[in-house]
Amino acid sequence: MKMSEIKDLTPAELVVKSRDLRQELFQLRLQQASSQLEHPARMRLLRRDVARLETRLTQLRPKAA
């Protein structure tokens, strides 16, 4: 997910998307623990996407206050 796509989302959509990505990351961690993970690079991409979403949420918070 690119930052240009993230900028178009509302704060509520950002929270939902972040929750979904965190859930997917959790599932991948479970697969990794049981040695069933097929694409380990996906974990890295998910972590970066979550960080991008959290960064955008942090940018929006001072404007809302």
Protein backbone atom coordinates (compact mmCIF):
# COMPACT_ATOMS: atom_id res chain seq x y z
CA MET A 1 0.00 0.00 0.00
CA LYS A 2 1.46 3.32 -1.04
CA MET A 3 1.32 6.50 0.97
CA SER A 4 -0.70 8.19 -1.81
CA GLU A 5 -3.42 5.54 -1.30
CA ILE A 6 -3.31 6.02 2.46
CA LYS A 7 -3.73 9.81 2.23
CA ASP A 8 -7.11 9.32 0.56
CA LEU A 9 -8.52 7.30 3.47
CA THR A 10 -10.54 8.76 6.34
CA PRO A 11 -9.35 8.26 9.94
CA ALA A 12 -12.03 5.61 10.52
CA GLU A 13 -10.94 3.72 7.41
CA LEU A 14 -7.32 3.96 8.54
CA VAL A 15 -8.18 2.38 11.88
CA VAL A 16 -10.09 -0.46 10.21
CA LYS A 17 -7.32 -1.09 7.68
CA SER A 18 -4.69 -1.08 10.44
CA ARG A 19 -6.70 -3.59 12.47
CA ASP A 20 -7.07 -5.87 9.44
CA LEU A 21 -3.36 -5.75 8.64
CA ARG A 22 -2.44 -6.45 12.27
CA GLN A 23 -4.76 -9.47 12.25
CA GLU A 24 -3.14 -10.75 9.06
CA LEU A 25 0.30 -10.22 10.57
CA PHE A 26 -0.76 -12.22 13.63
CA GLN A 27 -1.91 -15.07 11.40
CA LEU A 28 1.43 -15.04 9.59
CA ARG A 29 3.28 -15.18 12.90
CA LEU A 30 1.28 -18.27 13.82
CA GLN A 31 2.16 -19.86 10.49
CA GLN A 32 5.82 -19.00 11.03
CA ALA A 33 5.80 -20.59 14.46
CA SER A 34 4.39 -23.80 13.01
CA SER A 35 6.83 -23.72 10.05
CA GLN A 36 4.04 -23.32 7.50
CA LEU A 37 4.87 -19.81 6.30
CA GLU A 38 5.24 -19.75 2.52
CA HIS A 39 6.07 -16.06 1.94
CA PRO A 40 8.17 -14.65 4.80
CA ALA A 41 8.65 -11.35 2.95
CA ARG A 42 4.92 -10.68 3.39
CA MET A 43 5.50 -10.10 7.11
CA ARG A 44 7.94 -7.30 6.36
CA LEU A 45 5.52 -5.65 3.96
CA LEU A 46 2.69 -5.84 6.47
CA ARG A 47 4.81 -4.30 9.23
CA ARG A 48 5.69 -1.42 6.93
CA ASP A 49 2.08 -0.90 5.89
CA VAL A 50 0.96 -0.82 9.53
CA ALA A 51 3.68 1.75 10.26
CA ARG A 52 2.52 3.89 7.32
CA LEU A 53 -1.07 3.77 8.57
CA GLU A 54 -0.06 4.67 12.11
CA THR A 55 2.07 7.53 10.82
CA ARG A 56 -0.87 8.93 8.87
CA LEU A 57 -3.14 8.60 11.90
CA THR A 58 -0.60 10.49 14.00
CA GLN A 59 -0.45 13.23 11.38
CA LEU A 60 -4.24 13.61 11.43
CA ARG A 61 -4.68 13.69 15.22
CA PRO A 62 -3.35 17.24 15.90
CA LYS A 63 -5.64 18.61 13.18
CA ALA A 64 -8.69 17.02 14.80
CA ALA A 65 -7.92 18.50 18.22
